[in-house]
Protein backbone atom coordinates (compact mmCIF):
# COMPACT_ATOMS: atom_id res chain seq x y z
CA MET A 1 57.45 48.19 -56.72
CA ARG A 2 59.93 50.93 -55.86
CA ALA A 3 58.36 51.34 -52.41
CA GLN A 4 58.89 47.63 -51.70
CA ARG A 5 62.52 47.88 -52.76
CA ASP A 6 63.06 50.94 -50.61
CA LYS A 7 61.45 49.20 -47.66
CA ALA A 8 63.60 46.11 -48.19
CA GLN A 9 66.74 48.26 -48.36
CA GLN A 10 65.73 50.06 -45.18
CA GLU A 11 65.09 46.76 -43.38
CA SER A 12 68.41 45.45 -44.65
CA SER A 13 70.24 48.53 -43.37
CA SER A 14 68.47 48.19 -40.06
CA ALA A 15 69.44 44.52 -39.81
CA ILE A 16 73.07 45.34 -40.61
CA GLY A 17 73.10 48.02 -37.93
CA TRP A 18 71.58 45.62 -35.42
CA SER A 19 74.09 42.89 -36.28
CA GLU A 20 76.98 45.35 -35.85
CA THR A 21 75.61 46.36 -32.46
CA LEU A 22 75.31 42.74 -31.39
CA ALA A 23 78.82 41.97 -32.66
CA GLY A 24 80.17 44.83 -30.57
CA GLU A 25 78.37 43.50 -27.51
CA VAL A 26 79.74 40.01 -28.12
CA ILE A 27 83.28 41.37 -28.36
CA ALA A 28 82.81 43.33 -25.13
CA LEU A 29 81.48 40.21 -23.37
CA GLU A 30 84.36 38.09 -24.67
CA ASN A 31 86.85 40.66 -23.36
CA ARG A 32 85.11 40.68 -19.98
CA LEU A 33 85.20 36.87 -19.94
CA CYS A 34 88.96 36.88 -20.56
CA ILE A 35 89.49 39.33 -17.72
CA LEU A 36 87.34 37.29 -15.34
CA GLN A 37 89.11 34.05 -16.28
CA SER A 38 92.45 35.72 -15.65
CA HIS A 39 91.26 36.86 -12.23
CA GLU A 40 89.97 33.38 -11.49
CA LEU A 41 93.33 31.82 -12.31
CA ARG A 42 95.16 34.35 -10.15
CA LEU A 43 92.79 33.67 -7.24
CA LYS A 44 93.30 29.92 -7.62
CA ARG A 45 97.08 30.38 -7.49
CA ASP A 46 96.73 32.61 -4.46
CA MET A 47 94.51 30.07 -2.75
CA GLU A 48 96.97 27.26 -3.46
CA SER A 49 99.79 29.36 -2.03
CA LEU A 50 97.80 30.21 1.08
CA THR A 51 96.80 26.58 1.56
CA SER A 52 100.45 25.60 1.32
CA ASP A 53 101.39 28.27 3.85
CA LEU A 54 98.63 27.09 6.19
CA ASP A 55 99.84 23.50 5.97
CA SER A 56 103.36 24.64 6.75
CA TYR A 57 102.18 26.60 9.79
CA LYS A 58 100.20 23.62 11.02
CA GLN A 59 103.31 21.46 10.78
CA GLN A 60 105.33 24.07 12.69
CA ILE A 61 102.71 24.22 15.44
CA ALA A 62 102.58 20.45 15.67
CA SER A 63 106.36 20.35 15.92
CA LEU A 64 106.37 22.99 18.67
CA GLU A 65 103.67 21.18 20.60
CA LYS A 66 105.81 18.02 20.63
CA ASP A 67 108.68 19.90 22.25
């Protein structure tokens, strides 16, 4: 009976350790996701700015070609 209890306690401790490890990994992945989403938003803003600049340059070229 005592051996079963000791085994159950050991398995419980092992499961707790495993769950703590997984929780740490989840937190690390969530942090990485936040960083990547931030980079994605910055790149989208940069792309919008560059697209706007390109459109402006195209208009300038078209205007110069008319002259």
